[in-house]
């Protein structure tokens, strides 16, 4: 009876509907996502990941502040694509296949950033790059750990696992993948920026 009353109340409430507006671009994009090279690259990337998912599991720990490279193989519109450094926002245990990350990109110090969603974090210890690292706060996402492994890594694991010297999956990762770490000050800067962005919709500088 209580549920029926609740349903009646919900049905009586006015539902706010937002108008969906789609307009034609004034200047067409140069990229064509459905033709030739882009389409083949996307299909090949998917096939590699499907093969990897079927044959391997990821059983390793990632700590918040860890920095590593992942592949965003195919973008839609303004999403990231290609390989990017990312920083782990939260700890991820060995039994979890997922890790929440903040993407990074490099930029010269004199380059103007988006003040509402990007922050400089300085040079990453151990990463050889003449440019400064920038955290893209508005593109936080949760990814599968297997995004850390590109075509070369997958081929390497396949050959290594079939050899007599195969010992442990963690050892394979240690041999093939480097993980860097932010300083405590750098991680704290990202953490504060994320909190501000989530609650305010922008970063307070």
N, C-alpha and C. Protein backbone atom coordinates (compact mmCIF):
# COMPACT_ATOMS: atom_id res chain seq x y z
N UNK A 1 0.83 -1.20 0.00
CA UNK A 1 0.00 0.00 0.00
C UNK A 1 0.86 1.26 0.00
N UNK A 2 1.93 1.21 0.82
CA UNK A 2 2.86 2.33 0.89
C UNK A 2 3.55 2.56 -0.44
N UNK A 3 3.95 1.44 -1.09
CA UNK A 3 4.62 1.53 -2.39
C UNK A 3 3.69 2.13 -3.44
N UNK A 4 2.40 1.75 -3.38
CA UNK A 4 1.44 2.28 -4.36
C UNK A 4 1.26 3.78 -4.20
N UNK A 5 1.21 4.26 -2.94
CA UNK A 5 1.10 5.69 -2.69
C UNK A 5 2.32 6.43 -3.21
N UNK A 6 3.48 5.82 -2.99
CA UNK A 6 4.72 6.44 -3.45
C UNK A 6 4.73 6.55 -4.96
N UNK A 7 4.26 5.50 -5.67
CA UNK A 7 4.22 5.52 -7.12
C UNK A 7 3.26 6.60 -7.61
N UNK A 8 2.12 6.79 -6.91
CA UNK A 8 1.16 7.82 -7.29
C UNK A 8 1.77 9.21 -7.14
N UNK A 9 2.54 9.40 -6.06
CA UNK A 9 3.18 10.69 -5.84
C UNK A 9 4.21 10.98 -6.92
N UNK A 10 4.96 9.94 -7.28
CA UNK A 10 5.97 10.10 -8.32
C UNK A 10 5.34 10.42 -9.67
N UNK A 11 4.21 9.77 -9.95
CA UNK A 11 3.55 9.98 -11.24
C UNK A 11 2.95 11.38 -11.33
N UNK A 12 2.60 11.95 -10.18
CA UNK A 12 2.01 13.28 -10.18
C UNK A 12 3.05 14.38 -10.32
N UNK A 13 4.30 14.07 -9.97
CA UNK A 13 5.35 15.07 -10.08
C UNK A 13 5.65 15.38 -11.54
N UNK A 14 5.95 16.63 -11.78
CA UNK A 14 6.31 17.03 -13.14
C UNK A 14 7.75 16.63 -13.44
N UNK A 15 7.93 15.98 -14.56
CA UNK A 15 9.27 15.56 -14.96
C UNK A 15 9.90 16.65 -15.80
N UNK A 16 11.06 17.11 -15.39
CA UNK A 16 11.76 18.15 -16.14
C UNK A 16 12.50 17.51 -17.30
N UNK A 17 12.20 17.95 -18.48
CA UNK A 17 12.86 17.42 -19.67
C UNK A 17 13.72 18.51 -20.29
N UNK A 18 14.96 18.16 -20.61
CA UNK A 18 15.86 19.10 -21.25
C UNK A 18 15.85 18.89 -22.76
N UNK A 19 15.83 19.99 -23.46
CA UNK A 19 15.80 19.91 -24.92
C UNK A 19 17.18 19.53 -25.45
N UNK A 20 17.20 18.56 -26.33
CA UNK A 20 18.46 18.11 -26.95
C UNK A 20 18.67 18.88 -28.25
N UNK A 21 19.75 19.64 -28.27
CA UNK A 21 20.03 20.46 -29.46
C UNK A 21 21.27 19.95 -30.16
N UNK A 22 21.16 19.64 -31.45
CA UNK A 22 22.29 19.20 -32.26
C UNK A 22 22.40 20.13 -33.45
N UNK A 23 23.55 20.72 -33.61
CA UNK A 23 23.76 21.64 -34.73
C UNK A 23 24.90 21.16 -35.60
N UNK A 24 24.87 21.53 -36.84
CA UNK A 24 25.93 21.17 -37.77
C UNK A 24 27.16 22.02 -37.51
N UNK A 25 28.34 21.40 -37.56
CA UNK A 25 29.58 22.12 -37.33
C UNK A 25 29.82 23.14 -38.44
N UNK A 26 30.30 24.30 -38.06
CA UNK A 26 30.65 25.31 -39.06
C UNK A 26 31.87 24.87 -39.87
N UNK A 27 32.85 24.29 -39.14
CA UNK A 27 34.06 23.79 -39.80
C UNK A 27 34.13 22.29 -39.53
N UNK A 28 33.99 21.45 -40.55
CA UNK A 28 34.05 19.99 -40.35
C UNK A 28 35.38 19.55 -39.76
N UNK A 29 35.34 18.48 -38.95
CA UNK A 29 36.57 17.93 -38.39
C UNK A 29 37.44 17.33 -39.49
N UNK A 30 38.75 17.41 -39.29
CA UNK A 30 39.67 16.84 -40.27
C UNK A 30 39.68 15.32 -40.19
N UNK A 31 39.46 14.78 -38.97
CA UNK A 31 39.50 13.33 -38.80
C UNK A 31 38.20 12.69 -39.27
N UNK A 32 38.34 11.54 -39.88
CA UNK A 32 37.17 10.73 -40.23
C UNK A 32 37.33 9.41 -39.49
N UNK A 33 36.52 9.20 -38.46
CA UNK A 33 36.70 8.04 -37.59
C UNK A 33 36.23 6.73 -38.21
N UNK A 34 35.50 6.81 -39.31
CA UNK A 34 34.92 5.59 -39.86
C UNK A 34 35.61 5.11 -41.13
N UNK A 35 36.71 5.73 -41.50
CA UNK A 35 37.36 5.35 -42.75
C UNK A 35 38.78 4.85 -42.53
N UNK A 36 39.20 4.00 -43.39
CA UNK A 36 40.58 3.53 -43.60
C UNK A 36 41.39 3.38 -42.32
N UNK A 37 42.43 4.21 -42.18
CA UNK A 37 43.44 4.00 -41.16
C UNK A 37 42.88 4.05 -39.74
N UNK A 38 42.03 5.03 -39.44
CA UNK A 38 41.47 5.14 -38.09
C UNK A 38 40.63 3.92 -37.73
N UNK A 39 39.83 3.47 -38.67
CA UNK A 39 38.98 2.30 -38.42
C UNK A 39 39.83 1.05 -38.21
N UNK A 40 40.86 0.88 -39.05
CA UNK A 40 41.73 -0.30 -38.90
C UNK A 40 42.48 -0.28 -37.58
N UNK A 41 42.94 0.91 -37.20
CA UNK A 41 43.66 1.04 -35.92
C UNK A 41 42.74 0.67 -34.76
N UNK A 42 41.50 1.10 -34.83
CA UNK A 42 40.54 0.80 -33.78
C UNK A 42 40.27 -0.70 -33.70
N UNK A 43 40.03 -1.33 -34.84
CA UNK A 43 39.75 -2.77 -34.89
C UNK A 43 40.94 -3.57 -34.38
N UNK A 44 42.15 -3.20 -34.80
CA UNK A 44 43.35 -3.90 -34.35
C UNK A 44 43.55 -3.78 -32.84
N UNK A 45 43.28 -2.58 -32.32
CA UNK A 45 43.42 -2.37 -30.88
C UNK A 45 42.43 -3.24 -30.11
N UNK A 46 41.20 -3.30 -30.59
CA UNK A 46 40.18 -4.13 -29.92
C UNK A 46 40.57 -5.61 -29.97
N UNK A 47 41.05 -6.07 -31.11
CA UNK A 47 41.45 -7.48 -31.24
C UNK A 47 42.59 -7.82 -30.30
N UNK A 48 43.56 -6.89 -30.14
CA UNK A 48 44.68 -7.14 -29.23
C UNK A 48 44.18 -7.25 -27.79
N UNK A 49 43.27 -6.34 -27.40
CA UNK A 49 42.78 -6.35 -26.04
C UNK A 49 41.92 -7.59 -25.77
N UNK A 50 41.11 -8.00 -26.74
CA UNK A 50 40.30 -9.22 -26.57
C UNK A 50 41.19 -10.43 -26.37
N UNK A 51 42.25 -10.52 -27.16
CA UNK A 51 43.21 -11.62 -27.02
C UNK A 51 43.83 -11.61 -25.62
N UNK A 52 44.22 -10.42 -25.18
CA UNK A 52 44.87 -10.29 -23.87
C UNK A 52 43.90 -10.65 -22.75
N UNK A 53 42.64 -10.20 -22.85
CA UNK A 53 41.64 -10.51 -21.82
C UNK A 53 41.41 -12.01 -21.70
N UNK A 54 41.43 -12.70 -22.84
CA UNK A 54 41.16 -14.14 -22.84
C UNK A 54 42.32 -14.95 -22.25
N UNK A 55 43.53 -14.43 -22.38
CA UNK A 55 44.70 -15.22 -22.04
C UNK A 55 45.42 -14.80 -20.76
N UNK A 56 45.14 -13.59 -20.27
CA UNK A 56 45.88 -13.12 -19.11
C UNK A 56 44.95 -12.47 -18.08
N UNK A 57 45.42 -12.50 -16.82
CA UNK A 57 44.78 -11.76 -15.75
C UNK A 57 45.82 -10.84 -15.14
N UNK A 58 45.37 -9.72 -14.59
CA UNK A 58 46.30 -8.81 -13.94
C UNK A 58 46.16 -8.97 -12.44
N UNK A 59 47.21 -9.37 -11.80
CA UNK A 59 47.20 -9.60 -10.35
C UNK A 59 48.36 -8.84 -9.73
N UNK A 60 48.26 -7.52 -9.71
CA UNK A 60 49.31 -6.73 -9.09
C UNK A 60 48.70 -5.50 -8.45
N UNK A 61 49.40 -4.96 -7.47
CA UNK A 61 48.90 -3.84 -6.69
C UNK A 61 49.35 -2.52 -7.30
N UNK A 62 48.48 -1.54 -7.24
CA UNK A 62 48.83 -0.18 -7.64
C UNK A 62 48.50 0.74 -6.48
N UNK A 63 49.44 1.60 -6.12
CA UNK A 63 49.25 2.54 -5.03
C UNK A 63 48.88 3.91 -5.58
N UNK A 64 48.10 4.67 -4.83
CA UNK A 64 47.78 6.03 -5.26
C UNK A 64 49.08 6.83 -5.36
N UNK A 65 49.18 7.59 -6.43
CA UNK A 65 50.42 8.33 -6.70
C UNK A 65 51.33 7.62 -7.67
N UNK A 66 51.04 6.33 -7.98
CA UNK A 66 51.83 5.61 -9.00
C UNK A 66 51.54 6.21 -10.37
N UNK A 67 52.58 6.33 -11.18
CA UNK A 67 52.46 6.89 -12.53
C UNK A 67 52.89 5.83 -13.53
N UNK A 68 52.07 5.61 -14.56
CA UNK A 68 52.38 4.61 -15.58
C UNK A 68 51.72 5.01 -16.89
N UNK A 69 52.02 4.28 -17.94
CA UNK A 69 51.49 4.59 -19.27
C UNK A 69 50.33 3.66 -19.59
N UNK A 70 49.25 4.22 -20.12
CA UNK A 70 48.13 3.40 -20.60
C UNK A 70 47.80 3.82 -22.03
N UNK A 71 47.08 2.94 -22.72
CA UNK A 71 46.70 3.22 -24.10
C UNK A 71 45.22 3.53 -24.21
N UNK A 72 44.92 4.77 -24.61
CA UNK A 72 43.54 5.13 -24.96
C UNK A 72 43.47 5.00 -26.48
N UNK A 73 43.16 3.79 -26.93
CA UNK A 73 43.38 3.45 -28.33
C UNK A 73 42.52 4.24 -29.30
N UNK A 74 41.30 4.55 -28.90
CA UNK A 74 40.39 5.18 -29.87
C UNK A 74 39.54 6.20 -29.15
N UNK A 75 39.57 7.44 -29.62
CA UNK A 75 38.84 8.50 -28.96
C UNK A 75 37.55 8.84 -29.68
N UNK A 76 36.65 9.46 -28.95
CA UNK A 76 35.43 9.99 -29.53
C UNK A 76 35.41 11.48 -29.25
N UNK A 77 35.45 12.29 -30.31
CA UNK A 77 35.44 13.73 -30.13
C UNK A 77 36.66 14.23 -29.40
N UNK A 78 36.44 14.85 -28.23
CA UNK A 78 37.52 15.47 -27.47
C UNK A 78 38.16 14.56 -26.43
N UNK A 79 37.81 13.27 -26.45
CA UNK A 79 38.44 12.34 -25.52
C UNK A 79 39.91 12.14 -25.85
N UNK A 80 40.65 11.64 -24.86
CA UNK A 80 42.06 11.34 -25.08
C UNK A 80 42.20 10.16 -26.03
N UNK A 81 43.31 10.14 -26.76
CA UNK A 81 43.62 8.96 -27.58
C UNK A 81 45.11 8.72 -27.53
N UNK A 82 45.51 7.52 -27.94
CA UNK A 82 46.93 7.17 -27.93
C UNK A 82 47.42 6.85 -26.52
N UNK A 83 48.74 6.83 -26.36
CA UNK A 83 49.35 6.50 -25.07
C UNK A 83 49.56 7.76 -24.23
N UNK A 84 49.22 7.66 -22.96
CA UNK A 84 49.39 8.79 -22.04
C UNK A 84 49.88 8.29 -20.69
N UNK A 85 50.71 9.11 -20.04
CA UNK A 85 50.99 8.86 -18.64
C UNK A 85 49.72 9.16 -17.85
N UNK A 86 49.51 8.37 -16.79
CA UNK A 86 48.39 8.62 -15.88
C UNK A 86 48.90 8.44 -14.46
N UNK A 87 48.17 9.00 -13.51
CA UNK A 87 48.51 8.80 -12.10
C UNK A 87 47.32 8.14 -11.41
N UNK A 88 47.62 7.14 -10.58
CA UNK A 88 46.56 6.45 -9.84
C UNK A 88 46.02 7.37 -8.75
N UNK A 89 44.72 7.56 -8.74
CA UNK A 89 44.09 8.44 -7.76
C UNK A 89 43.80 7.69 -6.46
N UNK A 90 43.55 6.39 -6.58
CA UNK A 90 43.23 5.56 -5.42
C UNK A 90 44.05 4.28 -5.45
N UNK A 91 44.19 3.64 -4.30
CA UNK A 91 44.86 2.34 -4.25
C UNK A 91 44.02 1.30 -4.98
N UNK A 92 44.69 0.33 -5.58
CA UNK A 92 44.00 -0.79 -6.23
C UNK A 92 44.69 -2.08 -5.80
N UNK A 93 43.93 -2.97 -5.18
CA UNK A 93 44.51 -4.21 -4.64
C UNK A 93 44.80 -5.21 -5.76
N UNK A 94 45.61 -6.22 -5.49
CA UNK A 94 45.93 -7.23 -6.51
C UNK A 94 44.70 -7.98 -7.03
N UNK A 95 43.62 -8.06 -6.26
CA UNK A 95 42.45 -8.82 -6.72
C UNK A 95 41.53 -7.97 -7.60
N UNK A 96 41.81 -6.69 -7.69
CA UNK A 96 40.97 -5.80 -8.50
C UNK A 96 41.58 -5.62 -9.88
N UNK A 97 40.73 -5.68 -10.91
CA UNK A 97 41.19 -5.45 -12.27
C UNK A 97 41.14 -3.96 -12.63
N UNK A 98 40.56 -3.14 -11.74
CA UNK A 98 40.31 -1.75 -12.08
C UNK A 98 41.16 -0.81 -11.23
N UNK A 99 41.45 0.37 -11.79
CA UNK A 99 42.15 1.42 -11.06
C UNK A 99 41.62 2.76 -11.55
N UNK A 100 41.39 3.68 -10.60
CA UNK A 100 40.91 5.02 -10.94
C UNK A 100 42.10 5.94 -11.16
N UNK A 101 42.10 6.63 -12.30
CA UNK A 101 43.28 7.39 -12.70
C UNK A 101 42.92 8.83 -13.12
N UNK A 102 43.94 9.67 -13.09
CA UNK A 102 43.86 11.01 -13.65
C UNK A 102 44.87 11.06 -14.81
N UNK A 103 44.43 11.34 -16.03
CA UNK A 103 45.36 11.40 -17.16
C UNK A 103 46.32 12.59 -17.05
N UNK A 104 47.50 12.44 -17.63
CA UNK A 104 48.50 13.50 -17.66
C UNK A 104 48.88 13.79 -19.11
N UNK A 105 49.32 14.99 -19.36
CA UNK A 105 49.95 15.30 -20.63
C UNK A 105 51.07 16.29 -20.37
N UNK A 106 51.96 16.45 -21.33
CA UNK A 106 53.10 17.33 -21.14
C UNK A 106 52.90 18.63 -21.91
N UNK A 107 53.39 19.71 -21.34
CA UNK A 107 53.25 21.01 -21.98
C UNK A 107 54.37 21.93 -21.52
N UNK A 108 54.72 22.88 -22.36
CA UNK A 108 55.71 23.89 -21.99
C UNK A 108 55.12 24.81 -20.92
N UNK A 109 56.00 25.36 -20.09
CA UNK A 109 55.54 26.19 -18.98
C UNK A 109 54.80 27.44 -19.45
N UNK A 110 55.15 27.93 -20.64
CA UNK A 110 54.51 29.14 -21.12
C UNK A 110 53.20 28.87 -21.85
N UNK A 111 52.82 27.58 -21.97
CA UNK A 111 51.57 27.26 -22.64
C UNK A 111 50.39 27.54 -21.71
N UNK A 112 49.37 28.17 -22.25
CA UNK A 112 48.19 28.49 -21.46
C UNK A 112 47.32 27.25 -21.27
N UNK A 113 47.00 26.96 -20.02
CA UNK A 113 46.18 25.80 -19.69
C UNK A 113 44.74 26.23 -19.43
N UNK A 114 43.88 25.23 -19.35
CA UNK A 114 42.50 25.49 -18.94
C UNK A 114 42.50 25.63 -17.42
N UNK A 115 42.32 26.82 -16.88
CA UNK A 115 42.44 27.01 -15.42
C UNK A 115 41.36 26.29 -14.63
N UNK A 116 40.27 25.93 -15.28
CA UNK A 116 39.17 25.28 -14.57
C UNK A 116 39.38 23.78 -14.41
N UNK A 117 40.28 23.18 -15.22
CA UNK A 117 40.38 21.72 -15.20
C UNK A 117 41.79 21.17 -15.33
N UNK A 118 42.81 22.01 -15.48
CA UNK A 118 44.18 21.53 -15.64
C UNK A 118 45.11 22.21 -14.64
N UNK A 119 46.09 21.43 -14.15
CA UNK A 119 47.07 22.00 -13.22
C UNK A 119 48.47 21.46 -13.56
N UNK A 120 49.46 22.30 -13.40
CA UNK A 120 50.84 21.85 -13.50
C UNK A 120 51.21 21.09 -12.24
N UNK A 121 51.93 19.98 -12.42
CA UNK A 121 52.42 19.25 -11.25
C UNK A 121 53.94 19.15 -11.25
N UNK A 122 54.58 19.74 -12.28
CA UNK A 122 56.04 19.72 -12.32
C UNK A 122 56.60 18.47 -12.96
N UNK A 123 57.88 18.25 -12.81
CA UNK A 123 58.55 17.08 -13.40
C UNK A 123 58.28 15.84 -12.56
N UNK A 124 58.01 14.73 -13.24
CA UNK A 124 57.77 13.46 -12.55
C UNK A 124 59.10 12.78 -12.30
N UNK A 125 59.43 12.43 -11.06
CA UNK A 125 60.71 11.78 -10.76
C UNK A 125 60.92 10.52 -11.60
N UNK A 126 62.04 10.47 -12.32
CA UNK A 126 62.39 9.30 -13.12
C UNK A 126 61.95 9.35 -14.56
N UNK A 127 61.00 10.23 -14.89
CA UNK A 127 60.51 10.34 -16.26
C UNK A 127 61.36 11.37 -16.99
N UNK A 128 62.00 10.94 -18.07
CA UNK A 128 62.85 11.83 -18.84
C UNK A 128 62.00 12.62 -19.82
N UNK A 129 61.79 13.88 -19.51
CA UNK A 129 60.97 14.74 -20.36
C UNK A 129 61.33 16.18 -20.06
N UNK A 130 61.59 16.93 -21.10
CA UNK A 130 61.98 18.33 -20.92
C UNK A 130 60.78 19.22 -20.63
N UNK A 131 59.57 18.69 -20.81
CA UNK A 131 58.36 19.47 -20.57
C UNK A 131 57.82 19.18 -19.18
N UNK A 132 56.87 20.00 -18.76
CA UNK A 132 56.24 19.83 -17.45
C UNK A 132 54.99 18.97 -17.57
N UNK A 133 54.71 18.20 -16.53
CA UNK A 133 53.53 17.34 -16.52
C UNK A 133 52.30 18.14 -16.11
N UNK A 134 51.19 17.91 -16.80
CA UNK A 134 49.93 18.57 -16.52
C UNK A 134 48.88 17.51 -16.22
N UNK A 135 48.16 17.66 -15.12
CA UNK A 135 47.07 16.74 -14.78
C UNK A 135 45.77 17.26 -15.36
N UNK A 136 45.03 16.37 -16.06
CA UNK A 136 43.76 16.75 -16.69
C UNK A 136 42.64 16.30 -15.76
N UNK A 137 42.25 17.17 -14.86
CA UNK A 137 41.34 16.80 -13.77
C UNK A 137 39.94 16.43 -14.27
N UNK A 138 39.50 17.04 -15.37
CA UNK A 138 38.13 16.78 -15.83
C UNK A 138 38.02 15.50 -16.66
N UNK A 139 39.11 14.70 -16.75
CA UNK A 139 39.02 13.43 -17.47
C UNK A 139 39.37 12.26 -16.56
N UNK A 140 39.00 12.37 -15.29
CA UNK A 140 39.16 11.25 -14.36
C UNK A 140 38.35 10.07 -14.87
N UNK A 141 38.92 8.88 -14.77
CA UNK A 141 38.17 7.69 -15.21
C UNK A 141 38.70 6.45 -14.49
N UNK A 142 37.91 5.41 -14.52
CA UNK A 142 38.33 4.11 -13.98
C UNK A 142 38.59 3.19 -15.16
N UNK A 143 39.78 2.60 -15.19
CA UNK A 143 40.20 1.78 -16.33
C UNK A 143 40.58 0.38 -15.87
N UNK A 144 40.59 -0.53 -16.82
CA UNK A 144 41.09 -1.88 -16.57
C UNK A 144 42.62 -1.83 -16.60
N UNK A 145 43.25 -2.55 -15.69
CA UNK A 145 44.71 -2.54 -15.61
C UNK A 145 45.38 -3.05 -16.87
N UNK A 146 44.63 -3.83 -17.65
CA UNK A 146 45.24 -4.37 -18.87
C UNK A 146 45.46 -3.30 -19.93
N UNK A 147 44.94 -2.10 -19.72
CA UNK A 147 45.26 -0.99 -20.61
C UNK A 147 46.73 -0.58 -20.51
N UNK A 148 47.41 -1.08 -19.48
CA UNK A 148 48.82 -0.75 -19.32
C UNK A 148 49.71 -1.47 -20.34
N UNK A 149 49.13 -2.41 -21.06
CA UNK A 149 49.95 -3.27 -21.90
C UNK A 149 49.61 -3.10 -23.37
N UNK A 150 50.62 -2.71 -24.14
CA UNK A 150 50.44 -2.49 -25.56
C UNK A 150 50.74 -3.76 -26.35
N UNK A 151 50.77 -3.66 -27.67
CA UNK A 151 50.98 -4.82 -28.54
C UNK A 151 52.31 -5.52 -28.23
N UNK A 152 53.37 -4.73 -28.05
CA UNK A 152 54.69 -5.31 -27.78
C UNK A 152 54.70 -6.08 -26.47
N UNK A 153 54.03 -5.53 -25.45
CA UNK A 153 53.97 -6.19 -24.16
C UNK A 153 53.20 -7.50 -24.24
N UNK A 154 52.09 -7.49 -24.95
CA UNK A 154 51.28 -8.70 -25.10
C UNK A 154 52.08 -9.81 -25.78
N UNK A 155 52.80 -9.46 -26.85
CA UNK A 155 53.63 -10.45 -27.54
C UNK A 155 54.72 -10.97 -26.63
N UNK A 156 55.30 -10.07 -25.85
CA UNK A 156 56.37 -10.45 -24.91
C UNK A 156 55.85 -11.46 -23.89
N UNK A 157 54.67 -11.18 -23.30
CA UNK A 157 54.10 -12.07 -22.30
C UNK A 157 53.78 -13.44 -22.89
N UNK A 158 53.25 -13.44 -24.11
CA UNK A 158 52.88 -14.70 -24.75
C UNK A 158 54.09 -15.60 -24.95
N UNK A 159 55.20 -15.02 -25.39
CA UNK A 159 56.43 -15.79 -25.60
C UNK A 159 57.03 -16.24 -24.27
N UNK A 160 57.04 -15.33 -23.31
CA UNK A 160 57.68 -15.61 -22.02
C UNK A 160 56.93 -16.68 -21.25
N UNK A 161 55.60 -16.64 -21.28
CA UNK A 161 54.80 -17.58 -20.50
C UNK A 161 54.92 -19.00 -21.01
N UNK A 162 55.31 -19.16 -22.27
CA UNK A 162 55.45 -20.48 -22.86
C UNK A 162 56.87 -21.03 -22.73
N UNK A 163 57.78 -20.25 -22.18
CA UNK A 163 59.18 -20.70 -22.07
C UNK A 163 59.40 -21.45 -20.77
N UNK A 164 60.56 -22.07 -20.65
CA UNK A 164 60.89 -22.82 -19.45
C UNK A 164 61.20 -21.90 -18.27
N UNK A 165 61.46 -20.64 -18.55
CA UNK A 165 61.89 -19.72 -17.51
C UNK A 165 60.73 -18.95 -16.89
N UNK A 166 59.53 -19.35 -17.24
CA UNK A 166 58.37 -18.65 -16.69
C UNK A 166 58.28 -18.90 -15.18
N UNK A 167 58.23 -17.84 -14.40
CA UNK A 167 58.19 -17.96 -12.95
C UNK A 167 56.89 -17.40 -12.38
N UNK A 168 56.66 -16.13 -12.61
CA UNK A 168 55.50 -15.49 -12.00
C UNK A 168 55.07 -14.31 -12.86
N UNK A 169 53.77 -14.06 -12.87
CA UNK A 169 53.25 -12.95 -13.67
C UNK A 169 53.79 -11.61 -13.18
N UNK A 170 53.92 -11.49 -11.85
CA UNK A 170 54.45 -10.25 -11.28
C UNK A 170 55.87 -9.99 -11.77
N UNK A 171 56.62 -11.08 -11.94
CA UNK A 171 58.00 -10.93 -12.42
C UNK A 171 58.02 -10.44 -13.87
N UNK A 172 57.08 -10.91 -14.68
CA UNK A 172 57.00 -10.47 -16.07
C UNK A 172 56.71 -8.97 -16.12
N UNK A 173 55.78 -8.54 -15.29
CA UNK A 173 55.44 -7.11 -15.26
C UNK A 173 56.64 -6.29 -14.82
N UNK A 174 57.34 -6.77 -13.80
CA UNK A 174 58.50 -6.05 -13.29
C UNK A 174 59.57 -5.90 -14.37
N UNK A 175 59.68 -6.89 -15.25
CA UNK A 175 60.69 -6.85 -16.30
C UNK A 175 60.29 -5.94 -17.45
N UNK A 176 59.00 -5.78 -17.67
CA UNK A 176 58.57 -5.09 -18.88
C UNK A 176 57.97 -3.71 -18.65
N UNK A 177 57.45 -3.45 -17.46
CA UNK A 177 56.71 -2.22 -17.24
C UNK A 177 57.32 -1.42 -16.10
N UNK A 178 57.60 -0.16 -16.35
CA UNK A 178 58.12 0.72 -15.31
C UNK A 178 56.99 1.54 -14.71
N UNK A 179 56.96 1.61 -13.40
CA UNK A 179 55.98 2.43 -12.71
C UNK A 179 56.73 3.48 -11.89
N UNK A 180 56.38 4.73 -12.12
CA UNK A 180 57.01 5.83 -11.41
C UNK A 180 56.07 6.28 -10.29
N UNK A 181 56.56 7.22 -9.47
CA UNK A 181 55.71 7.73 -8.38
C UNK A 181 55.82 9.25 -8.30
N UNK A 182 54.67 9.87 -8.03
CA UNK A 182 54.68 11.30 -7.74
C UNK A 182 55.22 11.52 -6.33
N UNK A 183 55.70 12.72 -6.09
CA UNK A 183 56.06 13.08 -4.73
C UNK A 183 54.78 13.31 -3.94
N UNK A 184 54.90 13.31 -2.61
CA UNK A 184 53.73 13.55 -1.76
C UNK A 184 53.10 14.91 -2.07
N UNK A 185 53.95 15.91 -2.31
CA UNK A 185 53.45 17.25 -2.61
C UNK A 185 52.67 17.27 -3.92
N UNK A 186 53.18 16.55 -4.95
CA UNK A 186 52.49 16.50 -6.25
C UNK A 186 51.15 15.79 -6.13
N UNK A 187 51.13 14.65 -5.40
CA UNK A 187 49.87 13.92 -5.25
C UNK A 187 48.85 14.75 -4.48
N UNK A 188 49.30 15.44 -3.44
CA UNK A 188 48.40 16.27 -2.65
C UNK A 188 47.78 17.37 -3.51
N UNK A 189 48.57 17.92 -4.41
CA UNK A 189 48.07 18.98 -5.30
C UNK A 189 46.95 18.44 -6.19
N UNK A 190 47.13 17.21 -6.73
CA UNK A 190 46.11 16.60 -7.57
C UNK A 190 44.87 16.26 -6.74
N UNK A 191 45.09 15.71 -5.56
CA UNK A 191 43.98 15.32 -4.69
C UNK A 191 43.09 16.52 -4.35
N UNK A 192 43.69 17.64 -4.01
CA UNK A 192 42.93 18.85 -3.68
C UNK A 192 42.17 19.35 -4.92
N UNK A 193 42.85 19.32 -6.07
CA UNK A 193 42.21 19.78 -7.31
C UNK A 193 41.01 18.91 -7.67
N UNK A 194 41.12 17.60 -7.46
CA UNK A 194 40.00 16.69 -7.74
C UNK A 194 38.82 17.00 -6.83
N UNK A 195 39.09 17.21 -5.55
CA UNK A 195 38.02 17.55 -4.61
C UNK A 195 37.31 18.83 -5.04
N UNK A 196 38.08 19.83 -5.42
CA UNK A 196 37.49 21.10 -5.85
C UNK A 196 36.66 20.93 -7.10
N UNK A 197 37.17 20.13 -8.04
CA UNK A 197 36.45 19.95 -9.30
C UNK A 197 35.14 19.19 -9.09
N UNK A 198 35.17 18.17 -8.24
CA UNK A 198 33.96 17.38 -8.00
C UNK A 198 32.88 18.22 -7.32
N UNK A 199 33.27 19.04 -6.34
CA UNK A 199 32.29 19.81 -5.58
C UNK A 199 31.88 21.11 -6.26
N UNK A 200 32.81 21.72 -7.00
CA UNK A 200 32.53 23.05 -7.58
C UNK A 200 32.36 23.05 -9.09
N UNK A 201 32.87 22.00 -9.75
CA UNK A 201 32.82 21.98 -11.21
C UNK A 201 33.99 22.70 -11.84
N UNK A 202 34.93 23.17 -11.03
CA UNK A 202 36.12 23.82 -11.53
C UNK A 202 37.19 23.82 -10.42
N UNK A 203 38.43 24.15 -10.80
CA UNK A 203 39.52 24.18 -9.83
C UNK A 203 39.71 25.61 -9.34
N UNK A 204 39.86 25.76 -8.04
CA UNK A 204 40.13 27.08 -7.48
C UNK A 204 41.64 27.31 -7.43
N UNK A 205 42.11 28.27 -8.16
CA UNK A 205 43.55 28.59 -8.19
C UNK A 205 43.86 29.72 -7.21
